[in-house]
Amino acid sequence: MASPSAGQWKYVNGQGAVSVMLNPVVQLHPLIHAIRARYPLVKVRLLTVFPASADFRGKPPRGCCLGDGVVPAVREFAAEDGVESPVIEQAWESLSTSLQKATAEAKA
């Protein structure tokens, strides 16, 4: 895989050949820029979630995780902001339910 700021990432596909995918963070950069211009105090973070079958050959690049690593990644983002907000705790139950539902649908 290329650096997180590269326009394309290389990966090994299911047939064992090297393929290229567009970096979603770079693709969303115009939207991120527009949000920051309109709401300068809002911190925008993106998390690219890969299927559990992905192999990063070590720790995933910043802003990336495997499907089962979403919860720790979101908690890590929250911890970077300092004291954990009670709002996150209030939203956590519905977020966890949504993640479990999406995981079950992906496996079906």
PDB file of N, CA and C in Angstrom:
ATOM      1  N   MET A   1       0.847  -1.173   0.000  1.00  0.00           N
ATOM      2  CA  MET A   1       0.000   0.000   0.000  1.00  0.00           C
ATOM      3  C   MET A   1       0.894   1.238   0.000  1.00  0.00           C
ATOM      4  N   ALA A   2       0.479   2.265  -0.693  1.00  0.00           N
ATOM      5  CA  ALA A   2       1.226   3.514  -0.782  1.00  0.00           C
ATOM      6  C   ALA A   2       0.990   4.372   0.452  1.00  0.00           C
ATOM      7  N   SER A   3       1.605   5.516   0.476  1.00  0.00           N
ATOM      8  CA  SER A   3       1.431   6.416   1.611  1.00  0.00           C
ATOM      9  C   SER A   3      -0.017   6.904   1.668  1.00  0.00           C
ATOM     10  N   PRO A   4      -0.497   7.276   2.882  1.00  0.00           N
ATOM     11  CA  PRO A   4      -1.887   7.729   3.010  1.00  0.00           C
ATOM     12  C   PRO A   4      -2.226   8.947   2.156  1.00  0.00           C
ATOM     13  N   SER A   5      -1.221   9.728   1.755  1.00  0.00           N
ATOM     14  CA  SER A   5      -1.503  10.924   0.961  1.00  0.00           C
ATOM     15  C   SER A   5      -1.375  10.677  -0.542  1.00  0.00           C
ATOM     16  N   ALA A   6      -1.013   9.463  -0.946  1.00  0.00           N
ATOM     17  CA  ALA A   6      -0.882   9.154  -2.367  1.00  0.00           C
ATOM     18  C   ALA A   6      -2.256   9.111  -3.023  1.00  0.00           C
ATOM     19  N   GLY A   7      -2.325   9.424  -4.290  1.00  0.00           N
ATOM     20  CA  GLY A   7      -3.596   9.430  -5.009  1.00  0.00           C
ATOM     21  C   GLY A   7      -4.155   8.047  -5.266  1.00  0.00           C
ATOM     22  N   GLN A   8      -3.262   7.051  -5.333  1.00  0.00           N
ATOM     23  CA  GLN A   8      -3.696   5.677  -5.553  1.00  0.00           C
ATOM     24  C   GLN A   8      -2.984   4.757  -4.574  1.00  0.00           C
ATOM     25  N   TRP A   9      -3.676   3.705  -4.178  1.00  0.00           N
ATOM     26  CA  TRP A   9      -3.083   2.691  -3.310  1.00  0.00           C
ATOM     27  C   TRP A   9      -2.964   1.401  -4.096  1.00  0.00           C
ATOM     28  N   LYS A  10      -1.861   0.685  -3.904  1.00  0.00           N
ATOM     29  CA  LYS A  10      -1.686  -0.625  -4.528  1.00  0.00           C
ATOM     30  C   LYS A  10      -2.103  -1.690  -3.529  1.00  0.00           C
ATOM     31  N   TYR A  11      -2.689  -2.748  -4.047  1.00  0.00           N
ATOM     32  CA  TYR A  11      -3.082  -3.862  -3.198  1.00  0.00           C
ATOM     33  C   TYR A  11      -3.019  -5.147  -4.003  1.00  0.00           C
ATOM     34  N   VAL A  12      -2.995  -6.264  -3.309  1.00  0.00           N
ATOM     35  CA  VAL A  12      -3.014  -7.568  -3.959  1.00  0.00           C
ATOM     36  C   VAL A  12      -4.461  -8.041  -3.965  1.00  0.00           C
ATOM     37  N   ASN A  13      -5.005  -8.268  -5.149  1.00  0.00           N
ATOM     38  CA  ASN A  13      -6.411  -8.677  -5.246  1.00  0.00           C
ATOM     39  C   ASN A  13      -6.571 -10.170  -4.958  1.00  0.00           C
ATOM     40  N   GLY A  14      -7.793 -10.662  -5.031  1.00  0.00           N
ATOM     41  CA  GLY A  14      -8.096 -12.048  -4.702  1.00  0.00           C
ATOM     42  C   GLY A  14      -7.389 -13.064  -5.574  1.00  0.00           C
ATOM     43  N   GLN A  15      -6.991 -12.676  -6.780  1.00  0.00           N
ATOM     44  CA  GLN A  15      -6.284 -13.588  -7.678  1.00  0.00           C
ATOM     45  C   GLN A  15      -4.771 -13.527  -7.493  1.00  0.00           C
ATOM     46  N   GLY A  16      -4.308 -12.717  -6.550  1.00  0.00           N
ATOM     47  CA  GLY A  16      -2.879 -12.612  -6.274  1.00  0.00           C
ATOM     48  C   GLY A  16      -2.149 -11.594  -7.128  1.00  0.00           C
ATOM     49  N   ALA A  17      -2.861 -10.851  -7.965  1.00  0.00           N
ATOM     50  CA  ALA A  17      -2.235  -9.826  -8.799  1.00  0.00           C
ATOM     51  C   ALA A  17      -2.304  -8.471  -8.097  1.00  0.00           C
ATOM     52  N   VAL A  18      -1.343  -7.618  -8.395  1.00  0.00           N
ATOM     53  CA  VAL A  18      -1.324  -6.275  -7.817  1.00  0.00           C
ATOM     54  C   VAL A  18      -2.307  -5.401  -8.589  1.00  0.00           C
ATOM     55  N   SER A  19      -3.177  -4.733  -7.868  1.00  0.00           N
ATOM     56  CA  SER A  19      -4.162  -3.828  -8.457  1.00  0.00           C
ATOM     57  C   SER A  19      -4.034  -2.461  -7.806  1.00  0.00           C
ATOM     58  N   VAL A  20      -4.750  -1.506  -8.344  1.00  0.00           N
ATOM     59  CA  VAL A  20      -4.699  -0.130  -7.843  1.00  0.00           C
ATOM     60  C   VAL A  20      -6.121   0.318  -7.525  1.00  0.00           C
ATOM     61  N   MET A  21      -6.269   1.041  -6.422  1.00  0.00           N
ATOM     62  CA  MET A  21      -7.554   1.655  -6.089  1.00  0.00           C
ATOM     63  C   MET A  21      -7.318   3.126  -5.775  1.00  0.00           C
ATOM     64  N   LEU A  22      -8.313   3.937  -6.019  1.00  0.00           N
ATOM     65  CA  LEU A  22      -8.201   5.354  -5.697  1.00  0.00           C
ATOM     66  C   LEU A  22      -8.225   5.538  -4.189  1.00  0.00           C
ATOM     67  N   ASN A  23      -7.402   6.436  -3.690  1.00  0.00           N
ATOM     68  CA  ASN A  23      -7.371   6.754  -2.267  1.00  0.00           C
ATOM     69  C   ASN A  23      -8.626   7.561  -1.943  1.00  0.00           C
ATOM     70  N   PRO A  24      -9.530   7.016  -1.115  1.00  0.00           N
ATOM     71  CA  PRO A  24     -10.784   7.732  -0.841  1.00  0.00           C
ATOM     72  C   PRO A  24     -10.581   9.074  -0.149  1.00  0.00           C
ATOM     73  N   VAL A  25      -9.541   9.205   0.641  1.00  0.00           N
ATOM     74  CA  VAL A  25      -9.290  10.472   1.330  1.00  0.00           C
ATOM     75  C   VAL A  25      -8.940  11.557   0.315  1.00  0.00           C
ATOM     76  N   VAL A  26      -8.089  11.220  -0.641  1.00  0.00           N
ATOM     77  CA  VAL A  26      -7.717  12.186  -1.676  1.00  0.00           C
ATOM     78  C   VAL A  26      -8.935  12.523  -2.537  1.00  0.00           C
ATOM     79  N   GLN A  27      -9.766  11.525  -2.831  1.00  0.00           N
ATOM     80  CA  GLN A  27     -10.960  11.760  -3.644  1.00  0.00           C
ATOM     81  C   GLN A  27     -11.956  12.677  -2.935  1.00  0.00           C
ATOM     82  N   LEU A  28     -12.011  12.612  -1.605  1.00  0.00           N
ATOM     83  CA  LEU A  28     -12.946  13.438  -0.835  1.00  0.00           C
ATOM     84  C   LEU A  28     -12.361  14.793  -0.439  1.00  0.00           C
ATOM     85  N   HIS A  29     -11.129  15.072  -0.853  1.00  0.00           N
ATOM     86  CA  HIS A  29     -10.479  16.317  -0.455  1.00  0.00           C
ATOM     87  C   HIS A  29     -11.291  17.569  -0.810  1.00  0.00           C
ATOM     88  N   PRO A  30     -11.915  17.665  -1.987  1.00  0.00           N
ATOM     89  CA  PRO A  30     -12.735  18.862  -2.266  1.00  0.00           C
ATOM     90  C   PRO A  30     -13.879  19.038  -1.264  1.00  0.00           C
ATOM     91  N   LEU A  31     -14.516  17.946  -0.870  1.00  0.00           N
ATOM     92  CA  LEU A  31     -15.592  18.027   0.120  1.00  0.00           C
ATOM     93  C   LEU A  31     -15.044  18.456   1.481  1.00  0.00           C
ATOM     94  N   ILE A  32     -13.918  17.884   1.875  1.00  0.00           N
ATOM     95  CA  ILE A  32     -13.290  18.250   3.149  1.00  0.00           C
ATOM     96  C   ILE A  32     -12.947  19.737   3.146  1.00  0.00           C
ATOM     97  N   HIS A  33     -12.384  20.212   2.050  1.00  0.00           N
ATOM     98  CA  HIS A  33     -12.021  21.624   1.936  1.00  0.00           C
ATOM     99  C   HIS A  33     -13.260  22.514   2.058  1.00  0.00           C
ATOM    100  N   ALA A  34     -14.355  22.117   1.417  1.00  0.00           N
ATOM    101  CA  ALA A  34     -15.592  22.908   1.484  1.00  0.00           C
ATOM    102  C   ALA A  34     -16.149  22.946   2.907  1.00  0.00           C
ATOM    103  N   ILE A  35     -16.114  21.813   3.600  1.00  0.00           N
ATOM    104  CA  ILE A  35     -16.601  21.771   4.985  1.00  0.00           C
ATOM    105  C   ILE A  35     -15.743  22.661   5.872  1.00  0.00           C
ATOM    106  N   ARG A  36     -14.426  22.570   5.713  1.00  0.00           N
ATOM    107  CA  ARG A  36     -13.526  23.389   6.537  1.00  0.00           C
ATOM    108  C   ARG A  36     -13.693  24.872   6.244  1.00  0.00           C
ATOM    109  N   ALA A  37     -13.951  25.217   4.985  1.00  0.00           N
ATOM    110  CA  ALA A  37     -14.152  26.625   4.634  1.00  0.00           C
ATOM    111  C   ALA A  37     -15.433  27.165   5.262  1.00  0.00           C
ATOM    112  N   ARG A  38     -16.459  26.350   5.276  1.00  0.00           N
ATOM    113  CA  ARG A  38     -17.758  26.779   5.814  1.00  0.00           C
ATOM    114  C   ARG A  38     -17.783  26.730   7.339  1.00  0.00           C
ATOM    115  N   TYR A  39     -17.156  25.709   7.910  1.00  0.00           N
ATOM    116  CA  TYR A  39     -17.159  25.504   9.367  1.00  0.00           C
ATOM    117  C   TYR A  39     -15.716  25.338   9.852  1.00  0.00           C
ATOM    118  N   PRO A  40     -14.987  26.437  10.014  1.00  0.00           N
ATOM    119  CA  PRO A  40     -13.555  26.349  10.325  1.00  0.00           C
ATOM    120  C   PRO A  40     -13.225  25.686  11.664  1.00  0.00           C
ATOM    121  N   LEU A  41     -14.153  25.634  12.594  1.00  0.00           N
ATOM    122  CA  LEU A  41     -13.863  25.030  13.894  1.00  0.00           C
ATOM    123  C   LEU A  41     -14.171  23.533  13.943  1.00  0.00           C
ATOM    124  N   VAL A  42     -14.754  23.011  12.877  1.00  0.00           N
ATOM    125  CA  VAL A  42     -15.109  21.587  12.837  1.00  0.00           C
ATOM    126  C   VAL A  42     -13.892  20.780  12.403  1.00  0.00           C
ATOM    127  N   LYS A  43     -13.614  19.719  13.136  1.00  0.00           N
ATOM    128  CA  LYS A  43     -12.514  18.831  12.790  1.00  0.00           C
ATOM    129  C   LYS A  43     -13.070  17.680  11.956  1.00  0.00           C
ATOM    130  N   VAL A  44     -12.558  17.524  10.747  1.00  0.00           N
ATOM    131  CA  VAL A  44     -13.036  16.482   9.840  1.00  0.00           C
ATOM    132  C   VAL A  44     -12.044  15.329   9.856  1.00  0.00           C
ATOM    133  N   ARG A  45     -12.569  14.130  10.075  1.00  0.00           N
ATOM    134  CA  ARG A  45     -11.721  12.938  10.048  1.00  0.00           C
ATOM    135  C   ARG A  45     -12.377  11.891   9.173  1.00  0.00           C
ATOM    136  N   LEU A  46     -11.575  11.168   8.438  1.00  0.00           N
ATOM    137  CA  LEU A  46     -12.083  10.090   7.595  1.00  0.00           C
ATOM    138  C   LEU A  46     -11.461   8.779   8.043  1.00  0.00           C
ATOM    139  N   LEU A  47     -12.255   7.747   8.013  1.00  0.00           N
ATOM    140  CA  LEU A  47     -11.792   6.411   8.370  1.00  0.00           C
ATOM    141  C   LEU A  47     -12.145   5.484   7.215  1.00  0.00           C
ATOM    142  N   THR A  48     -11.133   4.922   6.577  1.00  0.00           N
ATOM    143  CA  THR A  48     -11.348   3.977   5.489  1.00  0.00           C
ATOM    144  C   THR A  48     -11.342   2.579   6.083  1.00  0.00           C
ATOM    145  N   VAL A  49     -12.455   1.870   5.923  1.00  0.00           N
ATOM    146  CA  VAL A  49     -12.607   0.538   6.514  1.00  0.00           C
ATOM    147  C   VAL A  49     -12.446  -0.517   5.423  1.00  0.00           C
ATOM    148  N   PHE A  50     -11.516  -1.431   5.654  1.00  0.00           N
ATOM    149  CA  PHE A  50     -11.250  -2.515   4.716  1.00  0.00           C
ATOM    150  C   PHE A  50     -11.871  -3.806   5.231  1.00  0.00           C
ATOM    151  N   PRO A  51     -12.174  -4.754   4.341  1.00  0.00           N
ATOM    152  CA  PRO A  51     -12.720  -6.035   4.801  1.00  0.00           C
ATOM    153  C   PRO A  51     -11.704  -6.785   5.655  1.00  0.00           C
ATOM    154  N   ALA A  52     -12.213  -7.687   6.483  1.00  0.00           N
ATOM    155  CA  ALA A  52     -11.347  -8.448   7.395  1.00  0.00           C
ATOM    156  C   ALA A  52     -10.294  -9.255   6.646  1.00  0.00           C
ATOM    157  N   SER A  53     -10.527  -9.546   5.381  1.00  0.00           N
ATOM    158  CA  SER A  53      -9.567 -10.337   4.601  1.00  0.00           C
ATOM    159  C   SER A  53      -8.352  -9.523   4.148  1.00  0.00           C
ATOM    160  N   ALA A  54      -8.391  -8.209   4.307  1.00  0.00           N
ATOM    161  CA  ALA A  54      -7.257  -7.368   3.896  1.00  0.00           C
ATOM    162  C   ALA A  54      -6.059  -7.626   4.801  1.00  0.00           C
ATOM    163  N   ASP A  55      -4.871  -7.564   4.217  1.00  0.00           N
ATOM    164  CA  ASP A  55      -3.629  -7.785   4.960  1.00  0.00           C
ATOM    165  C   ASP A  55      -2.731  -6.575   4.742  1.00  0.00           C
ATOM    166  N   PHE A  56      -2.516  -5.802   5.791  1.00  0.00           N
ATOM    167  CA  PHE A  56      -1.686  -4.599   5.682  1.00  0.00           C
ATOM    168  C   PHE A  56      -0.204  -4.886   5.879  1.00  0.00           C
ATOM    169  N   ARG A  57       0.134  -6.118   6.207  1.00  0.00           N
ATOM    170  CA  ARG A  57       1.531  -6.482   6.507  1.00  0.00           C
ATOM    171  C   ARG A  57       2.061  -5.621   7.645  1.00  0.00           C
ATOM    172  N   GLY A  58       1.287  -5.549   8.698  1.00  0.00           N
ATOM    173  CA  GLY A  58       1.641  -4.733   9.853  1.00  0.00           C
ATOM    174  C   GLY A  58       0.469  -3.846  10.228  1.00  0.00           C
ATOM    175  N   LYS A  59       0.784  -2.760  10.884  1.00  0.00           N
ATOM    176  CA  LYS A  59      -0.261  -1.833  11.319  1.00  0.00           C
ATOM    177  C   LYS A  59      -0.835  -1.081  10.116  1.00  0.00           C
ATOM    178  N   PRO A  60      -2.172  -0.946  10.049  1.00  0.00           N
ATOM    179  CA  PRO A  60      -2.777  -0.197   8.937  1.00  0.00           C
ATOM    180  C   PRO A  60      -2.316   1.260   8.936  1.00  0.00           C
ATOM    181  N   PRO A  61      -2.277   1.899   7.763  1.00  0.00           N
ATOM    182  CA  PRO A  61      -1.927   3.322   7.712  1.00  0.00           C
ATOM    183  C   PRO A  61      -2.925   4.145   8.522  1.00  0.00           C
ATOM    184  N   ARG A  62      -2.502   5.314   8.945  1.00  0.00           N
ATOM    185  CA  ARG A  62      -3.388   6.187   9.718  1.00  0.00           C
ATOM    186  C   ARG A  62      -4.659   6.462   8.914  1.00  0.00           C
ATOM    187  N   GLY A  63      -5.795   6.380   9.595  1.00  0.00           N
ATOM    188  CA  GLY A  63      -7.066   6.618   8.938  1.00  0.00           C
ATOM    189  C   GLY A  63      -7.637   5.396   8.250  1.00  0.00           C
ATOM    190  N   CYS A  64      -7.004   4.242   8.440  1.00  0.00           N
ATOM    191  CA  CYS A  64      -7.481   2.991   7.850  1.00  0.00           C
ATOM    192  C   CYS A  64      -7.598   1.940   8.944  1.00  0.00           C
ATOM    193  N   CYS A  65      -8.539   1.031   8.776  1.00  0.00           N
ATOM    194  CA  CYS A  65      -8.668  -0.081   9.713  1.00  0.00           C
ATOM    195  C   CYS A  65      -9.388  -1.230   9.033  1.00  0.00           C
ATOM    196  N   LEU A  66      -9.344  -2.377   9.664  1.00  0.00           N
ATOM    197  CA  LEU A  66     -10.119  -3.525   9.210  1.00  0.00           C
ATOM    198  C   LEU A  66     -11.524  -3.404   9.784  1.00  0.00           C
ATOM    199  N   GLY A  67     -12.451  -4.169   9.258  1.00  0.00           N
ATOM    200  CA  GLY A  67     -13.840  -4.094   9.693  1.00  0.00           C
ATOM    201  C   GLY A  67     -14.026  -4.272  11.184  1.00  0.00           C
ATOM    202  N   ASP A  68     -13.245  -5.175  11.778  1.00  0.00           N
ATOM    203  CA  ASP A  68     -13.394  -5.403  13.218  1.00  0.00           C
ATOM    204  C   ASP A  68     -12.644  -4.379  14.058  1.00  0.00           C
ATOM    205  N   GLY A  69     -11.973  -3.428  13.416  1.00  0.00           N
ATOM    206  CA  GLY A  69     -11.230  -2.406  14.145  1.00  0.00           C
ATOM    207  C   GLY A  69     -11.883  -1.037  14.142  1.00  0.00           C
ATOM    208  N   VAL A  70     -13.135  -0.966  13.709  1.00  0.00           N
ATOM    209  CA  VAL A  70     -13.814   0.331  13.617  1.00  0.00           C
ATOM    210  C   VAL A  70     -14.002   0.955  14.995  1.00  0.00           C
ATOM    211  N   VAL A  71     -14.488   0.164  15.941  1.00  0.00           N
ATOM    212  CA  VAL A  71     -14.759   0.706  17.280  1.00  0.00           C
ATOM    213  C   VAL A  71     -13.483   1.247  17.922  1.00  0.00           C
ATOM    214  N   PRO A  72     -12.377   0.481  17.958  1.00  0.00           N
ATOM    215  CA  PRO A  72     -11.153   1.052  18.533  1.00  0.00           C
ATOM    216  C   PRO A  72     -10.652   2.286  17.772  1.00  0.00           C
ATOM    217  N   ALA A  73     -10.820   2.304  16.452  1.00  0.00           N
ATOM    218  CA  ALA A  73     -10.370   3.459  15.668  1.00  0.00           C
ATOM    219  C   ALA A  73     -11.171   4.708  16.014  1.00  0.00           C
ATOM    220  N   VAL A  74     -12.480   4.559  16.158  1.00  0.00           N
ATOM    221  CA  VAL A  74     -13.318   5.708  16.524  1.00  0.00           C
ATOM    222  C   VAL A  74     -12.973   6.176  17.933  1.00  0.00           C
ATOM    223  N   ARG A  75     -12.765   5.231  18.842  1.00  0.00           N
ATOM    224  CA  ARG A  75     -12.364   5.601  20.214  1.00  0.00           C
ATOM    225  C   ARG A  75     -11.012   6.317  20.213  1.00  0.00           C
ATOM    226  N   GLU A  76     -10.095   5.876  19.348  1.00  0.00           N
ATOM    227  CA  GLU A  76      -8.784   6.531  19.249  1.00  0.00           C
ATOM    228  C   GLU A  76      -8.939   7.968  18.749  1.00  0.00           C
ATOM    229  N   PHE A  77      -9.790   8.163  17.739  1.00  0.00           N
ATOM    230  CA  PHE A  77     -10.063   9.520  17.256  1.00  0.00           C
ATOM    231  C   PHE A  77     -10.611  10.382  18.389  1.00  0.00           C
ATOM    232  N   ALA A  78     -11.544   9.842  19.155  1.00  0.00           N
ATOM    233  CA  ALA A  78     -12.151  10.598  20.255  1.00  0.00           C
ATOM    234  C   ALA A  78     -11.114  10.932  21.319  1.00  0.00           C
ATOM    235  N   ALA A  79     -10.216   9.994  21.615  1.00  0.00           N
ATOM    236  CA  ALA A  79      -9.194  10.219  22.636  1.00  0.00           C
ATOM    237  C   ALA A  79      -8.217  11.320  22.219  1.00  0.00           C
ATOM    238  N   GLU A  80      -7.985  11.467  20.919  1.00  0.00           N
ATOM    239  CA  GLU A  80      -7.081  12.515  20.435  1.00  0.00           C
ATOM    240  C   GLU A  80      -7.609  13.910  20.751  1.00  0.00           C
ATOM    241  N   ASP A  81      -8.919  14.018  20.925  1.00  0.00           N
ATOM    242  CA  ASP A  81      -9.526  15.314  21.222  1.00  0.00           C
ATOM    243  C   ASP A  81      -9.486  15.662  22.700  1.00  0.00           C
ATOM    244  N   GLY A  82      -8.931  14.780  23.507  1.00  0.00           N
ATOM    245  CA  GLY A  82      -8.839  15.058  24.937  1.00  0.00           C
ATOM    246  C   GLY A  82      -9.877  14.284  25.718  1.00  0.00           C
ATOM    247  N   VAL A  83     -10.526  14.960  26.641  1.00  0.00           N
ATOM    248  CA  VAL A  83     -11.511  14.323  27.510  1.00  0.00           C
ATOM    249  C   VAL A  83     -12.668  13.791  26.665  1.00  0.00           C
ATOM    250  N   GLU A  84     -13.046  12.535  26.920  1.00  0.00           N
ATOM    251  CA  GLU A  84     -14.128  11.931  26.154  1.00  0.00           C
ATOM    252  C   GLU A  84     -15.447  12.629  26.453  1.00  0.00           C
ATOM    253  N   SER A  85     -16.145  12.962  25.409  1.00  0.00           N
ATOM    254  CA  SER A  85     -17.400  13.698  25.525  1.00  0.00           C
ATOM    255  C   SER A  85     -18.547  12.772  25.909  1.00  0.00           C
ATOM    256  N   PRO A  86     -19.468  13.250  26.768  1.00  0.00           N
ATOM    257  CA  PRO A  86     -20.652  12.446  27.076  1.00  0.00           C
ATOM    258  C   PRO A  86     -21.533  12.225  25.847  1.00  0.00           C
ATOM    259  N   VAL A  87     -21.416  13.091  24.856  1.00  0.00           N
ATOM    260  CA  VAL A  87     -22.195  12.941  23.628  1.00  0.00           C
ATOM    261  C   VAL A  87     -21.782  11.664  22.895  1.00  0.00           C
ATOM    262  N   ILE A  88     -20.482  11.382  22.890  1.00  0.00           N
ATOM    263  CA  ILE A  88     -20.007  10.156  22.244  1.00  0.00           C
ATOM    264  C   ILE A  88     -20.579   8.940  22.953  1.00  0.00           C
ATOM    265  N   GLU A  89     -20.586   8.971  24.268  1.00  0.00           N
ATOM    266  CA  GLU A  89     -21.142   7.843  25.022  1.00  0.00           C
ATOM    267  C   GLU A  89     -22.629   7.668  24.736  1.00  0.00           C
ATOM    268  N   GLN A  90     -23.354   8.771  24.590  1.00  0.00           N
ATOM    269  CA  GLN A  90     -24.784   8.692  24.278  1.00  0.00           C
ATOM    270  C   GLN A  90     -25.008   8.105  22.890  1.00  0.00           C
ATOM    271  N   ALA A  91     -24.151   8.457  21.954  1.00  0.00           N
ATOM    272  CA  ALA A  91     -24.303   7.985  20.576  1.00  0.00           C
ATOM    273  C   ALA A  91     -23.726   6.586  20.375  1.00  0.00           C
ATOM    274  N   TRP A  92     -22.932   6.134  21.336  1.00  0.00           N
ATOM    275  CA  TRP A  92     -22.196   4.887  21.147  1.00  0.00           C
ATOM    276  C   TRP A  92     -23.104   3.678  20.951  1.00  0.00           C
ATOM    277  N   GLU A  93     -24.211   3.608  21.681  1.00  0.00           N
ATOM    278  CA  GLU A  93     -25.097   2.449  21.562  1.00  0.00           C
ATOM    279  C   GLU A  93     -25.685   2.342  20.154  1.00  0.00           C
ATOM    280  N   SER A  94     -26.185   3.455  19.625  1.00  0.00           N
ATOM    281  CA  SER A  94     -26.759   3.407  18.274  1.00  0.00           C
ATOM    282  C   SER A  94     -25.674   3.166  17.224  1.00  0.00           C
ATOM    283  N   LEU A  95     -24.486   3.714  17.434  1.00  0.00           N
ATOM    284  CA  LEU A  95     -23.374   3.479  16.515  1.00  0.00           C
ATOM    285  C   LEU A  95     -22.983   2.004  16.521  1.00  0.00           C
ATOM    286  N   SER A  96     -22.877   1.425  17.701  1.00  0.00           N
ATOM    287  CA  SER A  96     -22.519   0.007  17.816  1.00  0.00           C
ATOM    288  C   SER A  96     -23.568  -0.878  17.157  1.00  0.00           C
ATOM    289  N   THR A  97     -24.838  -0.552  17.356  1.00  0.00           N
ATOM    290  CA  THR A  97     -25.920  -1.323  16.732  1.00  0.00           C
ATOM    291  C   THR A  97     -25.837  -1.237  15.211  1.00  0.00           C
ATOM    292  N   SER A  98     -25.582  -0.051  14.697  1.00  0.00           N
ATOM    293  CA  SER A  98     -25.459   0.132  13.246  1.00  0.00           C
ATOM    294  C   SER A  98     -24.279  -0.645  12.685  1.00  0.00           C
ATOM    295  N   LEU A  99     -23.155  -0.623  13.400  1.00  0.00           N
ATOM    296  CA  LEU A  99     -21.975  -1.361  12.953  1.00  0.00           C
ATOM    297  C   LEU A  99     -22.235  -2.860  12.946  1.00  0.00           C
ATOM    298  N   GLN A 100     -22.888  -3.363  13.978  1.00  0.00           N
ATOM    299  CA  GLN A 100     -23.192  -4.793  14.041  1.00  0.00           C
ATOM    300  C   GLN A 100     -24.138  -5.195  12.912  1.00  0.00           C
ATOM    301  N   LYS A 101     -25.118  -4.349  12.636  1.00  0.00           N
ATOM    302  CA  LYS A 101     -26.082  -4.637  11.566  1.00  0.00           C
ATOM    303  C   LYS A 101     -25.373  -4.643  10.207  1.00  0.00           C
ATOM    304  N   ALA A 102     -24.509  -3.662   9.978  1.00  0.00           N
ATOM    305  CA  ALA A 102     -23.778  -3.587   8.712  1.00  0.00           C
ATOM    306  C   ALA A 102     -22.845  -4.783   8.545  1.00  0.00           C
ATOM    307  N   THR A 103     -22.208  -5.204   9.635  1.00  0.00           N
ATOM    308  CA  THR A 103     -21.319  -6.362   9.584  1.00  0.00           C
ATOM    309  C   THR A 103     -22.102  -7.622   9.244  1.00  0.00           C
ATOM    310  N   ALA A 104     -23.263  -7.786   9.866  1.00  0.00           N
ATOM    311  CA  ALA A 104     -24.097  -8.962   9.595  1.00  0.00           C
ATOM    312  C   ALA A 104     -24.567  -8.975   8.140  1.00  0.00           C
ATOM    313  N   GLU A 105     -24.938  -7.812   7.610  1.00  0.00           N
ATOM    314  CA  GLU A 105     -25.385  -7.727   6.219  1.00  0.00           C
ATOM    315  C   GLU A 105     -24.242  -8.020   5.255  1.00  0.00           C
ATOM    316  N   ALA A 106     -23.030  -7.565   5.595  1.00  0.00           N
ATOM    317  CA  ALA A 106     -21.875  -7.802   4.730  1.00  0.00           C
ATOM    318  C   ALA A 106     -21.510  -9.284   4.682  1.00  0.00           C
ATOM    319  N   LYS A 107     -21.709  -9.977   5.792  1.00  0.00           N
ATOM    320  CA  LYS A 107     -21.379 -11.404   5.843  1.00  0.00           C
ATOM    321  C   LYS A 107     -22.426 -12.260   5.146  1.00  0.00           C
ATOM    322  N   ALA A 108     -23.648 -11.725   5.012  1.00  0.00           N
ATOM    323  CA  ALA A 108     -24.746 -12.509   4.399  1.00  0.00           C
ATOM    324  C   ALA A 108     -24.639 -12.572   2.891  1.00  0.00           C
TER     325      ALA A 108
END
